Every structure is written in structure tokens, then in C-alpha cells.
N, C-alpha and C. Protein backbone atom coordinates (compact mmCIF):
# COMPACT_ATOMS: atom_id res chain seq x y z
N MET A 1 -231.21 -89.68 -15.37
CA MET A 1 -229.94 -89.44 -16.00
C MET A 1 -229.99 -89.29 -17.56
N PRO A 2 -230.89 -90.04 -18.33
CA PRO A 2 -231.01 -89.89 -19.70
C PRO A 2 -231.42 -88.42 -19.98
N VAL A 3 -232.33 -87.93 -19.27
CA VAL A 3 -232.94 -86.54 -19.52
C VAL A 3 -231.89 -85.51 -19.42
N CYS A 4 -231.05 -85.76 -18.37
CA CYS A 4 -230.02 -84.70 -18.21
C CYS A 4 -228.90 -84.86 -19.45
N SER A 5 -228.67 -85.96 -19.75
CA SER A 5 -227.74 -86.22 -20.97
C SER A 5 -228.34 -85.62 -22.28
N ALA A 6 -229.58 -85.82 -22.46
CA ALA A 6 -230.21 -85.38 -23.66
C ALA A 6 -230.30 -83.85 -23.64
N ALA A 7 -230.59 -83.16 -22.43
CA ALA A 7 -230.57 -81.76 -22.35
C ALA A 7 -229.16 -81.13 -22.59
N LYS A 8 -228.14 -81.84 -22.13
CA LYS A 8 -226.80 -81.44 -22.16
C LYS A 8 -226.54 -81.42 -23.74
N ARG A 9 -226.87 -82.58 -24.46
CA ARG A 9 -226.62 -82.71 -25.99
C ARG A 9 -227.38 -81.56 -26.66
N LEU A 10 -228.57 -81.27 -26.27
CA LEU A 10 -229.24 -80.26 -26.94
C LEU A 10 -228.72 -78.79 -26.88
N ILE A 11 -228.17 -78.56 -25.61
CA ILE A 11 -227.44 -77.34 -25.43
C ILE A 11 -226.19 -77.27 -26.20
N GLN A 12 -225.43 -78.49 -26.26
CA GLN A 12 -224.25 -78.43 -27.13
C GLN A 12 -224.49 -78.21 -28.64
N LEU A 13 -225.63 -78.87 -29.01
CA LEU A 13 -226.01 -78.62 -30.45
C LEU A 13 -226.30 -77.10 -30.77
N PHE A 14 -227.08 -76.54 -29.89
CA PHE A 14 -227.53 -75.20 -30.05
C PHE A 14 -226.18 -74.28 -29.97
N CYS A 15 -225.32 -74.44 -29.10
CA CYS A 15 -224.12 -73.66 -29.11
C CYS A 15 -223.33 -73.87 -30.29
N TRP A 16 -223.24 -75.09 -30.87
CA TRP A 16 -222.49 -75.38 -32.11
C TRP A 16 -223.14 -74.75 -33.37
N LEU A 17 -224.53 -74.69 -33.38
CA LEU A 17 -225.13 -74.00 -34.47
C LEU A 17 -225.12 -72.47 -34.32
N ALA A 18 -225.12 -72.02 -33.23
CA ALA A 18 -225.00 -70.44 -33.05
C ALA A 18 -223.67 -69.93 -33.33
N LEU A 19 -222.59 -70.74 -33.02
CA LEU A 19 -221.22 -70.21 -33.20
C LEU A 19 -220.93 -69.74 -34.65
N PRO A 20 -221.31 -70.43 -35.71
CA PRO A 20 -220.84 -69.87 -37.04
C PRO A 20 -221.63 -68.68 -37.25
N LEU A 21 -222.80 -68.37 -36.67
CA LEU A 21 -223.57 -67.25 -36.98
C LEU A 21 -223.00 -65.85 -36.28
N THR A 22 -222.34 -66.02 -35.19
CA THR A 22 -221.68 -64.98 -34.62
C THR A 22 -220.32 -64.61 -35.18
N ALA A 23 -219.64 -65.62 -35.72
CA ALA A 23 -218.37 -65.30 -36.19
C ALA A 23 -218.41 -65.19 -37.79
N GLN A 24 -219.56 -64.89 -38.30
CA GLN A 24 -219.67 -64.83 -39.68
C GLN A 24 -219.16 -63.53 -40.25
N ALA A 25 -218.34 -63.65 -41.29
CA ALA A 25 -217.76 -62.49 -42.12
C ALA A 25 -218.94 -61.90 -42.86
N GLN A 26 -218.95 -60.57 -43.11
CA GLN A 26 -219.88 -59.81 -43.81
C GLN A 26 -219.27 -58.63 -44.56
N PHE A 27 -219.71 -58.27 -45.74
CA PHE A 27 -219.28 -57.15 -46.36
C PHE A 27 -219.65 -55.88 -45.62
N THR A 28 -218.77 -54.89 -45.73
CA THR A 28 -219.09 -53.53 -44.89
C THR A 28 -218.79 -52.36 -45.76
N ILE A 29 -219.65 -51.33 -45.66
CA ILE A 29 -219.44 -50.03 -46.18
C ILE A 29 -218.67 -49.45 -45.25
N ASP A 30 -217.37 -49.08 -45.66
CA ASP A 30 -216.51 -48.40 -44.66
C ASP A 30 -216.82 -46.90 -44.60
N GLN A 31 -217.22 -46.33 -45.75
CA GLN A 31 -217.50 -44.91 -45.80
C GLN A 31 -218.25 -44.59 -47.02
N ALA A 32 -219.08 -43.59 -47.09
CA ALA A 32 -219.83 -43.26 -48.22
C ALA A 32 -220.14 -41.71 -48.00
N GLN A 33 -219.82 -40.88 -49.02
CA GLN A 33 -219.91 -39.46 -49.05
C GLN A 33 -220.45 -38.94 -50.31
N VAL A 34 -221.47 -37.96 -50.19
CA VAL A 34 -222.06 -37.31 -51.37
C VAL A 34 -221.36 -35.98 -51.43
N TYR A 35 -220.78 -35.71 -52.62
CA TYR A 35 -220.04 -34.33 -52.84
C TYR A 35 -220.90 -33.54 -53.92
N GLN A 36 -220.88 -32.17 -53.68
CA GLN A 36 -221.58 -31.42 -54.60
C GLN A 36 -220.50 -30.97 -55.60
N ILE A 37 -220.78 -31.10 -56.85
CA ILE A 37 -219.90 -30.70 -57.94
C ILE A 37 -220.69 -29.83 -58.87
N GLY A 38 -220.50 -28.61 -58.91
CA GLY A 38 -221.36 -27.76 -59.77
C GLY A 38 -222.87 -27.73 -59.26
N ASN A 39 -223.73 -28.08 -60.14
CA ASN A 39 -225.16 -28.07 -59.82
C ASN A 39 -225.59 -29.52 -59.52
N GLY A 40 -224.62 -30.43 -59.57
CA GLY A 40 -224.96 -31.86 -59.36
C GLY A 40 -224.27 -32.57 -58.10
N TYR A 41 -224.47 -33.82 -57.88
CA TYR A 41 -223.78 -34.53 -56.78
C TYR A 41 -223.27 -35.68 -57.31
N THR A 42 -222.15 -36.14 -56.70
CA THR A 42 -221.59 -37.48 -56.93
C THR A 42 -221.35 -38.37 -55.60
N LEU A 43 -221.25 -39.60 -55.80
CA LEU A 43 -220.98 -40.41 -54.58
C LEU A 43 -219.59 -41.04 -54.65
N ASN A 44 -218.90 -40.97 -53.50
CA ASN A 44 -217.65 -41.77 -53.31
C ASN A 44 -217.91 -42.68 -52.15
N ALA A 45 -217.50 -43.82 -52.24
CA ALA A 45 -217.61 -44.86 -51.18
C ALA A 45 -216.55 -45.93 -51.22
N SER A 46 -216.32 -46.57 -50.09
CA SER A 46 -215.44 -47.56 -49.96
C SER A 46 -215.93 -48.84 -49.32
N ILE A 47 -215.99 -49.85 -49.94
CA ILE A 47 -216.54 -51.18 -49.53
C ILE A 47 -215.52 -52.29 -49.17
N SER A 48 -215.57 -52.91 -48.05
CA SER A 48 -214.73 -54.07 -47.81
C SER A 48 -215.38 -55.40 -48.11
N TYR A 49 -214.63 -56.25 -48.64
CA TYR A 49 -215.21 -57.49 -49.13
C TYR A 49 -214.35 -58.72 -48.49
N PRO A 50 -214.52 -59.07 -47.18
CA PRO A 50 -213.95 -60.23 -46.59
C PRO A 50 -214.73 -61.45 -47.11
N LEU A 51 -214.04 -62.40 -47.77
CA LEU A 51 -214.64 -63.54 -48.41
C LEU A 51 -214.50 -64.64 -47.42
N THR A 52 -215.60 -65.57 -47.29
CA THR A 52 -215.33 -66.75 -46.46
C THR A 52 -214.49 -67.66 -47.26
N PRO A 53 -213.99 -68.70 -46.43
CA PRO A 53 -213.24 -69.74 -47.17
C PRO A 53 -213.99 -70.41 -48.32
N ARG A 54 -215.27 -70.65 -48.10
CA ARG A 54 -216.04 -71.40 -48.99
C ARG A 54 -216.20 -70.57 -50.31
N VAL A 55 -216.48 -69.23 -50.23
CA VAL A 55 -216.54 -68.37 -51.47
C VAL A 55 -215.21 -68.32 -52.12
N GLN A 56 -214.11 -68.20 -51.26
CA GLN A 56 -212.75 -68.17 -52.01
C GLN A 56 -212.47 -69.39 -52.68
N GLU A 57 -212.81 -70.65 -51.99
CA GLU A 57 -212.54 -71.84 -52.75
C GLU A 57 -213.24 -71.98 -54.04
N ALA A 58 -214.55 -71.54 -53.94
CA ALA A 58 -215.38 -71.70 -55.23
C ALA A 58 -214.70 -70.82 -56.35
N LEU A 59 -214.35 -69.59 -55.97
CA LEU A 59 -213.66 -68.73 -56.89
C LEU A 59 -212.28 -69.27 -57.46
N GLU A 60 -211.56 -69.81 -56.64
CA GLU A 60 -210.30 -70.44 -57.07
C GLU A 60 -210.47 -71.68 -57.90
N ASN A 61 -211.63 -72.29 -57.81
CA ASN A 61 -211.93 -73.45 -58.61
C ASN A 61 -212.78 -73.11 -59.83
N GLY A 62 -212.62 -71.86 -60.19
CA GLY A 62 -213.20 -71.48 -61.54
C GLY A 62 -214.57 -71.03 -61.65
N VAL A 63 -215.32 -71.01 -60.39
CA VAL A 63 -216.70 -70.50 -60.37
C VAL A 63 -216.78 -69.05 -60.37
N PRO A 64 -217.35 -68.33 -61.34
CA PRO A 64 -217.50 -66.93 -61.37
C PRO A 64 -218.41 -66.36 -60.36
N ILE A 65 -217.92 -65.55 -59.60
CA ILE A 65 -218.83 -64.89 -58.42
C ILE A 65 -219.33 -63.46 -58.91
N THR A 66 -220.56 -63.33 -58.79
CA THR A 66 -221.13 -62.02 -59.25
C THR A 66 -221.54 -61.26 -57.96
N PHE A 67 -220.89 -60.02 -57.83
CA PHE A 67 -221.28 -59.08 -56.84
C PHE A 67 -222.11 -58.04 -57.23
N PHE A 68 -222.97 -57.39 -56.34
CA PHE A 68 -223.82 -56.17 -56.59
C PHE A 68 -223.49 -55.14 -55.63
N GLN A 69 -223.75 -53.92 -56.07
CA GLN A 69 -223.84 -52.68 -55.25
C GLN A 69 -224.97 -52.08 -55.52
N GLU A 70 -225.79 -51.94 -54.63
CA GLU A 70 -227.25 -51.39 -54.74
C GLU A 70 -227.26 -50.02 -54.08
N ILE A 71 -227.73 -49.07 -54.83
CA ILE A 71 -227.79 -47.71 -54.35
C ILE A 71 -229.19 -47.33 -54.57
N GLN A 72 -229.67 -46.62 -53.47
CA GLN A 72 -231.02 -46.04 -53.46
C GLN A 72 -231.12 -44.58 -52.97
N LEU A 73 -232.05 -43.88 -53.69
CA LEU A 73 -232.21 -42.38 -53.26
C LEU A 73 -233.53 -42.49 -52.67
N ILE A 74 -233.70 -42.09 -51.34
CA ILE A 74 -234.98 -42.11 -50.62
C ILE A 74 -235.44 -40.82 -50.27
N GLU A 75 -236.67 -40.61 -50.52
CA GLU A 75 -237.25 -39.39 -49.96
C GLU A 75 -238.00 -39.71 -48.62
N ARG A 76 -237.61 -39.07 -47.55
CA ARG A 76 -238.17 -39.39 -46.16
C ARG A 76 -239.19 -38.28 -45.81
N THR A 77 -240.46 -38.66 -45.56
CA THR A 77 -241.44 -37.75 -45.19
C THR A 77 -241.75 -38.00 -43.71
N PRO A 78 -241.57 -37.05 -42.78
CA PRO A 78 -241.81 -37.26 -41.34
C PRO A 78 -243.26 -37.30 -41.13
N LEU A 79 -243.70 -38.33 -40.38
CA LEU A 79 -245.11 -38.34 -39.99
C LEU A 79 -245.21 -38.45 -38.44
N LEU A 80 -246.24 -37.99 -37.79
CA LEU A 80 -246.34 -38.00 -36.35
C LEU A 80 -245.25 -37.34 -35.60
N TRP A 81 -244.94 -36.17 -35.87
CA TRP A 81 -243.92 -35.37 -35.21
C TRP A 81 -242.49 -35.96 -35.21
N ASP A 82 -242.13 -36.42 -36.39
CA ASP A 82 -240.79 -37.10 -36.56
C ASP A 82 -240.53 -38.41 -35.75
N TRP A 83 -241.65 -38.80 -35.08
CA TRP A 83 -241.58 -40.13 -34.46
C TRP A 83 -241.69 -41.32 -35.39
N TRP A 84 -242.42 -41.04 -36.53
CA TRP A 84 -242.53 -42.07 -37.47
C TRP A 84 -242.36 -41.49 -38.73
N GLN A 85 -241.84 -42.08 -39.76
CA GLN A 85 -241.45 -41.52 -41.09
C GLN A 85 -242.03 -42.48 -42.22
N TRP A 86 -242.31 -41.87 -43.27
CA TRP A 86 -242.50 -42.70 -44.55
C TRP A 86 -241.41 -42.56 -45.49
N ASP A 87 -240.80 -43.59 -46.02
CA ASP A 87 -239.66 -43.65 -46.94
C ASP A 87 -240.16 -44.15 -48.25
N GLU A 88 -239.90 -43.28 -49.27
CA GLU A 88 -240.17 -43.74 -50.65
C GLU A 88 -238.96 -43.66 -51.59
N THR A 89 -238.62 -44.75 -52.23
CA THR A 89 -237.50 -44.89 -53.11
C THR A 89 -237.89 -44.23 -54.41
N ILE A 90 -237.05 -43.04 -54.74
CA ILE A 90 -237.40 -42.37 -55.77
C ILE A 90 -236.38 -42.64 -57.00
N TRP A 91 -235.35 -43.33 -56.68
CA TRP A 91 -234.31 -43.67 -57.71
C TRP A 91 -233.52 -44.87 -57.13
N SER A 92 -233.23 -45.85 -57.93
CA SER A 92 -232.33 -46.88 -57.54
C SER A 92 -231.32 -47.27 -58.74
N ALA A 93 -230.29 -47.85 -58.44
CA ALA A 93 -229.31 -48.25 -59.39
C ALA A 93 -228.59 -49.46 -58.80
N GLU A 94 -228.11 -50.34 -59.65
CA GLU A 94 -227.36 -51.41 -59.32
C GLU A 94 -226.16 -51.59 -60.14
N ILE A 95 -224.94 -51.71 -59.44
CA ILE A 95 -223.60 -51.89 -60.16
C ILE A 95 -223.28 -53.42 -59.99
N ARG A 96 -223.00 -54.07 -61.05
CA ARG A 96 -222.61 -55.49 -60.95
C ARG A 96 -221.30 -55.66 -61.43
N TYR A 97 -220.62 -56.67 -60.77
CA TYR A 97 -219.17 -57.08 -61.16
C TYR A 97 -219.22 -58.62 -61.13
N GLU A 98 -218.49 -59.17 -62.18
CA GLU A 98 -218.38 -60.64 -62.07
C GLU A 98 -216.74 -60.91 -61.81
N LEU A 99 -216.43 -61.68 -60.78
CA LEU A 99 -215.08 -61.86 -60.61
C LEU A 99 -214.80 -63.20 -60.90
N ARG A 100 -213.68 -63.62 -61.62
CA ARG A 100 -213.37 -64.96 -61.96
C ARG A 100 -211.86 -65.01 -61.75
N TYR A 101 -211.34 -66.39 -61.49
CA TYR A 101 -210.02 -66.64 -61.35
C TYR A 101 -209.63 -67.57 -62.47
N HIS A 102 -208.54 -67.15 -63.11
CA HIS A 102 -208.12 -67.83 -64.35
C HIS A 102 -206.72 -68.63 -63.92
N ASP A 103 -206.87 -69.89 -63.86
CA ASP A 103 -205.77 -70.78 -63.32
C ASP A 103 -204.59 -70.74 -64.19
N LEU A 104 -204.78 -70.68 -65.48
CA LEU A 104 -203.63 -70.75 -66.35
C LEU A 104 -202.76 -69.46 -66.26
N SER A 105 -203.38 -68.38 -66.23
CA SER A 105 -202.63 -67.15 -66.00
C SER A 105 -202.42 -66.74 -64.56
N GLN A 106 -203.11 -67.34 -63.74
CA GLN A 106 -203.01 -67.08 -62.31
C GLN A 106 -203.34 -65.70 -62.04
N GLN A 107 -204.47 -65.27 -62.71
CA GLN A 107 -204.87 -63.77 -62.53
C GLN A 107 -206.47 -63.71 -62.21
N TYR A 108 -206.89 -62.79 -61.59
CA TYR A 108 -208.21 -62.51 -61.19
C TYR A 108 -208.79 -61.50 -62.22
N MET A 109 -209.88 -61.89 -62.83
CA MET A 109 -210.39 -61.04 -63.85
C MET A 109 -211.73 -60.38 -63.17
N LEU A 110 -211.78 -59.10 -63.37
CA LEU A 110 -213.03 -58.36 -63.03
C LEU A 110 -213.64 -57.75 -64.13
N TYR A 111 -215.04 -58.17 -64.25
CA TYR A 111 -215.74 -57.75 -65.45
C TYR A 111 -216.95 -56.84 -64.93
N SER A 112 -217.18 -55.74 -65.58
CA SER A 112 -218.32 -54.83 -65.31
C SER A 112 -219.30 -54.88 -66.43
N PRO A 113 -220.39 -55.51 -66.46
CA PRO A 113 -221.36 -55.46 -67.54
C PRO A 113 -221.85 -54.20 -67.96
N GLU A 114 -222.08 -53.38 -67.08
CA GLU A 114 -222.61 -52.02 -67.35
C GLU A 114 -221.64 -51.33 -68.40
N THR A 115 -220.24 -51.25 -68.16
CA THR A 115 -219.35 -50.56 -69.02
C THR A 115 -218.59 -51.51 -69.93
N ASP A 116 -218.92 -52.69 -69.88
CA ASP A 116 -218.25 -53.76 -70.67
C ASP A 116 -216.77 -53.68 -70.59
N ASN A 117 -216.28 -53.42 -69.18
CA ASN A 117 -214.90 -53.23 -69.03
C ASN A 117 -214.28 -54.42 -68.32
N HIS A 118 -213.10 -54.98 -68.76
CA HIS A 118 -212.39 -56.16 -68.20
C HIS A 118 -211.02 -55.60 -67.56
N ARG A 119 -210.89 -56.08 -66.40
CA ARG A 119 -209.57 -55.72 -65.82
C ARG A 119 -208.92 -56.82 -65.14
N ASN A 120 -207.64 -57.12 -65.20
CA ASN A 120 -206.94 -58.35 -64.68
C ASN A 120 -206.10 -57.72 -63.46
N PHE A 121 -206.04 -58.63 -62.45
CA PHE A 121 -205.40 -58.44 -61.17
C PHE A 121 -204.55 -59.69 -60.83
N THR A 122 -203.27 -59.39 -60.24
CA THR A 122 -202.44 -60.52 -59.94
C THR A 122 -202.95 -61.12 -58.46
N THR A 123 -203.55 -60.23 -57.67
CA THR A 123 -203.99 -60.85 -56.34
C THR A 123 -205.52 -60.64 -56.10
N LEU A 124 -206.11 -61.44 -55.27
CA LEU A 124 -207.50 -61.31 -55.05
C LEU A 124 -207.70 -60.06 -54.30
N ALA A 125 -206.87 -59.61 -53.37
CA ALA A 125 -206.96 -58.44 -52.63
C ALA A 125 -207.09 -57.18 -53.42
N SER A 126 -206.22 -57.22 -54.56
CA SER A 126 -206.26 -56.00 -55.36
C SER A 126 -207.61 -55.90 -56.20
N ALA A 127 -208.05 -57.08 -56.58
CA ALA A 127 -209.33 -57.06 -57.33
C ALA A 127 -210.49 -56.64 -56.48
N LEU A 128 -210.57 -57.17 -55.24
CA LEU A 128 -211.66 -56.81 -54.29
C LEU A 128 -211.45 -55.24 -53.87
N ASN A 129 -210.28 -54.78 -53.83
CA ASN A 129 -209.96 -53.36 -53.41
C ASN A 129 -210.60 -52.36 -54.58
N ALA A 130 -210.21 -52.78 -55.91
CA ALA A 130 -210.70 -52.11 -57.02
C ALA A 130 -212.23 -52.04 -57.02
N MET A 131 -212.85 -53.25 -56.88
CA MET A 131 -214.37 -53.33 -56.86
C MET A 131 -214.95 -52.56 -55.83
N GLY A 132 -214.33 -52.33 -54.70
CA GLY A 132 -214.86 -51.69 -53.46
C GLY A 132 -214.70 -50.25 -53.54
N ASN A 133 -214.04 -49.65 -54.45
CA ASN A 133 -213.95 -48.26 -54.44
C ASN A 133 -214.91 -47.62 -55.57
N ILE A 134 -215.91 -46.89 -55.05
CA ILE A 134 -216.79 -46.18 -56.03
C ILE A 134 -216.34 -44.79 -55.84
N THR A 135 -216.04 -44.17 -57.16
CA THR A 135 -215.42 -42.89 -57.23
C THR A 135 -216.22 -42.09 -58.23
N ASN A 136 -216.75 -40.93 -57.76
CA ASN A 136 -217.40 -40.00 -58.57
C ASN A 136 -218.61 -40.55 -59.36
N LEU A 137 -219.34 -41.29 -58.71
CA LEU A 137 -220.67 -41.79 -59.33
C LEU A 137 -221.59 -40.64 -59.35
N THR A 138 -222.08 -40.31 -60.62
CA THR A 138 -222.94 -39.20 -60.76
C THR A 138 -224.36 -39.60 -60.45
N LEU A 139 -225.09 -38.83 -59.49
CA LEU A 139 -226.41 -39.01 -59.11
C LEU A 139 -227.33 -38.25 -60.00
N PRO A 140 -228.53 -38.67 -60.29
CA PRO A 140 -229.43 -38.06 -61.22
C PRO A 140 -229.63 -36.59 -60.84
N PRO A 141 -229.27 -35.59 -61.66
CA PRO A 141 -229.51 -34.24 -61.25
C PRO A 141 -230.96 -33.76 -61.04
N ALA A 142 -231.90 -34.42 -61.77
CA ALA A 142 -233.36 -34.04 -61.55
C ALA A 142 -233.81 -34.28 -60.27
N LEU A 143 -233.28 -35.44 -59.60
CA LEU A 143 -233.80 -35.88 -58.30
C LEU A 143 -232.99 -35.31 -57.15
N THR A 144 -231.74 -34.62 -57.41
CA THR A 144 -230.95 -34.27 -56.25
C THR A 144 -231.04 -32.70 -56.10
N LYS A 145 -231.85 -32.10 -56.90
CA LYS A 145 -231.94 -30.55 -56.85
C LYS A 145 -232.39 -30.08 -55.41
N ILE A 146 -233.18 -30.96 -54.73
CA ILE A 146 -233.64 -30.71 -53.41
C ILE A 146 -232.99 -31.90 -52.58
N ALA A 147 -232.05 -31.58 -51.87
CA ALA A 147 -231.36 -32.56 -51.04
C ALA A 147 -231.97 -32.89 -49.66
N ASP A 148 -232.80 -31.79 -49.18
CA ASP A 148 -233.32 -31.92 -47.84
C ASP A 148 -234.42 -33.04 -47.88
N GLY A 149 -234.27 -33.90 -46.81
CA GLY A 149 -235.30 -34.96 -46.67
C GLY A 149 -234.91 -36.17 -47.67
N ARG A 150 -233.80 -36.20 -48.32
CA ARG A 150 -233.43 -37.25 -49.21
C ARG A 150 -232.29 -37.93 -48.53
N ILE A 151 -232.36 -39.25 -48.63
CA ILE A 151 -231.30 -40.11 -48.04
C ILE A 151 -230.82 -40.92 -49.17
N LEU A 152 -229.42 -41.04 -49.38
CA LEU A 152 -228.87 -41.99 -50.20
C LEU A 152 -228.26 -43.14 -49.32
N ARG A 153 -228.62 -44.29 -49.74
CA ARG A 153 -228.03 -45.56 -48.98
C ARG A 153 -227.61 -46.60 -50.00
N LEU A 154 -226.81 -47.38 -49.50
CA LEU A 154 -226.17 -48.38 -50.30
C LEU A 154 -225.80 -49.62 -49.54
N ARG A 155 -225.68 -50.80 -50.28
CA ARG A 155 -225.29 -51.95 -49.73
C ARG A 155 -224.64 -52.82 -50.79
N SER A 156 -224.03 -53.87 -50.45
CA SER A 156 -223.29 -54.80 -51.33
C SER A 156 -223.43 -56.14 -50.93
N GLY A 157 -223.40 -57.13 -51.93
CA GLY A 157 -223.50 -58.51 -51.58
C GLY A 157 -223.12 -59.30 -52.88
N ILE A 158 -223.39 -60.68 -52.71
CA ILE A 158 -223.20 -61.67 -53.69
C ILE A 158 -224.50 -62.08 -54.24
N ASP A 159 -224.56 -62.07 -55.62
CA ASP A 159 -225.87 -62.38 -56.26
C ASP A 159 -225.80 -64.01 -56.34
N LEU A 160 -226.46 -64.56 -55.42
CA LEU A 160 -226.62 -66.06 -55.39
C LEU A 160 -227.30 -66.78 -56.58
N THR A 161 -228.18 -65.91 -57.29
CA THR A 161 -228.91 -66.39 -58.31
C THR A 161 -228.09 -66.58 -59.69
N ALA A 162 -226.73 -65.87 -59.53
CA ALA A 162 -225.92 -65.98 -60.80
C ALA A 162 -224.92 -67.15 -60.54
N LEU A 163 -224.94 -67.81 -59.54
CA LEU A 163 -224.18 -69.11 -59.41
C LEU A 163 -224.58 -70.10 -60.27
N PRO A 164 -223.66 -71.14 -60.69
CA PRO A 164 -224.09 -72.23 -61.57
C PRO A 164 -225.29 -72.89 -60.82
N SER A 165 -226.22 -73.41 -61.57
CA SER A 165 -227.39 -74.10 -61.08
C SER A 165 -227.11 -75.17 -59.97
N PRO A 166 -226.13 -75.98 -59.99
CA PRO A 166 -225.90 -77.12 -58.99
C PRO A 166 -225.61 -76.50 -57.67
N MET A 167 -224.91 -75.28 -57.70
CA MET A 167 -224.50 -74.66 -56.38
C MET A 167 -225.51 -73.71 -55.77
N ARG A 168 -226.56 -73.34 -56.47
CA ARG A 168 -227.62 -72.36 -55.89
C ARG A 168 -228.17 -72.80 -54.66
N PRO A 169 -228.89 -74.03 -54.56
CA PRO A 169 -229.54 -74.35 -53.46
C PRO A 169 -228.71 -74.37 -52.12
N GLY A 170 -227.53 -74.92 -52.29
CA GLY A 170 -226.66 -74.98 -51.12
C GLY A 170 -226.14 -73.63 -50.54
N ALA A 171 -225.89 -72.75 -51.59
CA ALA A 171 -225.53 -71.41 -51.22
C ALA A 171 -226.64 -70.63 -50.61
N MET A 172 -227.68 -70.78 -51.16
CA MET A 172 -228.93 -70.09 -50.57
C MET A 172 -229.33 -70.39 -49.13
N ILE A 173 -229.00 -71.51 -48.66
CA ILE A 173 -229.36 -71.88 -47.33
C ILE A 173 -227.99 -71.83 -46.33
N SER A 174 -226.81 -71.51 -46.94
CA SER A 174 -225.60 -71.51 -46.20
C SER A 174 -225.20 -70.18 -45.74
N SER A 175 -224.92 -69.98 -44.48
CA SER A 175 -224.55 -68.75 -43.88
C SER A 175 -223.09 -68.48 -44.57
N LYS A 176 -222.39 -69.29 -45.09
CA LYS A 176 -221.08 -69.06 -45.69
C LYS A 176 -221.22 -68.23 -46.83
N TRP A 177 -222.36 -68.07 -47.57
CA TRP A 177 -222.49 -67.28 -48.68
C TRP A 177 -223.31 -66.17 -48.49
N ASP A 178 -223.97 -65.95 -47.34
CA ASP A 178 -224.68 -64.86 -47.00
C ASP A 178 -223.84 -63.64 -46.58
N LEU A 179 -223.29 -62.89 -47.27
CA LEU A 179 -222.34 -61.91 -46.90
C LEU A 179 -222.93 -60.38 -47.21
N THR A 180 -224.03 -60.25 -47.57
CA THR A 180 -224.61 -58.99 -47.95
C THR A 180 -224.51 -57.98 -46.69
N SER A 181 -224.01 -56.70 -47.12
CA SER A 181 -223.88 -55.75 -46.03
C SER A 181 -225.12 -55.26 -45.65
N PRO A 182 -225.32 -54.60 -44.43
CA PRO A 182 -226.47 -53.91 -44.10
C PRO A 182 -226.51 -52.55 -44.94
N TRP A 183 -227.77 -51.97 -44.92
CA TRP A 183 -227.81 -50.70 -45.61
C TRP A 183 -227.03 -49.66 -44.93
N PHE A 184 -226.33 -48.71 -45.66
CA PHE A 184 -225.48 -47.74 -45.11
C PHE A 184 -225.97 -46.34 -45.66
N GLU A 185 -226.22 -45.41 -44.81
CA GLU A 185 -226.57 -44.13 -45.28
C GLU A 185 -225.42 -43.22 -45.54
N ALA A 186 -225.30 -42.61 -46.74
CA ALA A 186 -224.20 -41.73 -47.19
C ALA A 186 -224.39 -40.45 -46.46
N LEU A 187 -223.23 -39.65 -46.21
CA LEU A 187 -223.27 -38.49 -45.62
C LEU A 187 -223.41 -37.34 -46.88
N TRP A 188 -224.35 -36.42 -46.69
CA TRP A 188 -224.53 -35.37 -47.62
C TRP A 188 -223.77 -34.18 -47.25
N PRO A 189 -223.25 -33.31 -48.16
CA PRO A 189 -222.40 -32.11 -47.86
C PRO A 189 -223.25 -31.20 -47.13
N SER A 190 -222.61 -30.56 -46.07
CA SER A 190 -223.24 -29.62 -45.31
C SER A 190 -223.25 -28.19 -45.96
N ASP A 191 -224.46 -27.53 -45.76
CA ASP A 191 -224.50 -26.26 -46.56
C ASP A 191 -223.73 -25.15 -45.75
């Protein structure tokens, strides 16, 4: 009888631990498209940012959350009759945003360190929507002259190392903070 009870409790514990992993929210790249403009290429993309209650609570309690959008241009070389291939990253960029909630003004402040641009939003949804729209991002012309065999991929996530020191260890082991999207390959214009 005690062995059956222990096995039952072990199964319940496993199901309880596995449940949060399957119901986990995650950032998603809804679409990404490369457009040719003159002799160059630009990227347009749309990213969804469903925040977990834990991340939203931290944000509303004044903790700044740093998001990243990582973009890579990859040259793919087929090996072994296209059965296996070699990928080499020939260019990469990272766009960072810091999102804060200001309790006194009840506004969300979105800051882009690359452009030193500050924008205020009255709702969290509007701030996340603005951050999730990549419009006409110019790709390096020298690397996109030959588009064949090149893949542009992107992903987005939260930079956990930018959190305040006391929060980092818990956030790094918690699935409630691991919202990084999988890599998404952008569509190139057809010739």
C-alpha cells in the first residue's frame, strides 16, 4: 500500500511540474518579410509580446524590463546533396528596448538606447505593439547583393541579465521569465 501511494504522489508531482511548461506564454514572430528597395533590402516584421503575470507584476512595481530583438543574416552552404548544410552568420544586429511603468503619471515609457528615443504610452498593449513593429529596417547593402543562399532570421526575448541583481537568480531559473521566441526565418522577395 505505501508503494502505491508513493507512486501516485510521484505521478501527481510530475503532472504538476509539467503543467506550467505546456501552458507557458512565449513571444512570437507573427510575420517577417524582406523587401527590395532600389539596390538594397529592408526588413518589416511583427512580434507579439504576451507577458506572464510575473513579468507584468514586476513591470507595474517599477522594475524596468529590457527586451531584445536579435537579427542574423546567415549564409547557408549545402553539403552532402542538400541533406546537410553549413550555416555561417555573416551579420548580426540587436535592437534593445527598455520598458518602464511610471506610477505617478500612470504611463508606460519605452526607451531605445540605439536611437536615444523615449516614447510614452497610456496602455501596456500600445507600448508592446509599438515595440513589436519593425518597419523598414535597412539591411547591410554589401552583404545582401547576393540574396541566394542567404537567410535572415530573428527572435525576441527578455534580457534577464539587465534585471536588478536581487531578481536575476530567480528569473533565470523560472519558466515565467523565459519568454524568448524561437528563431523565425524571414521571407525574401521572389525574383
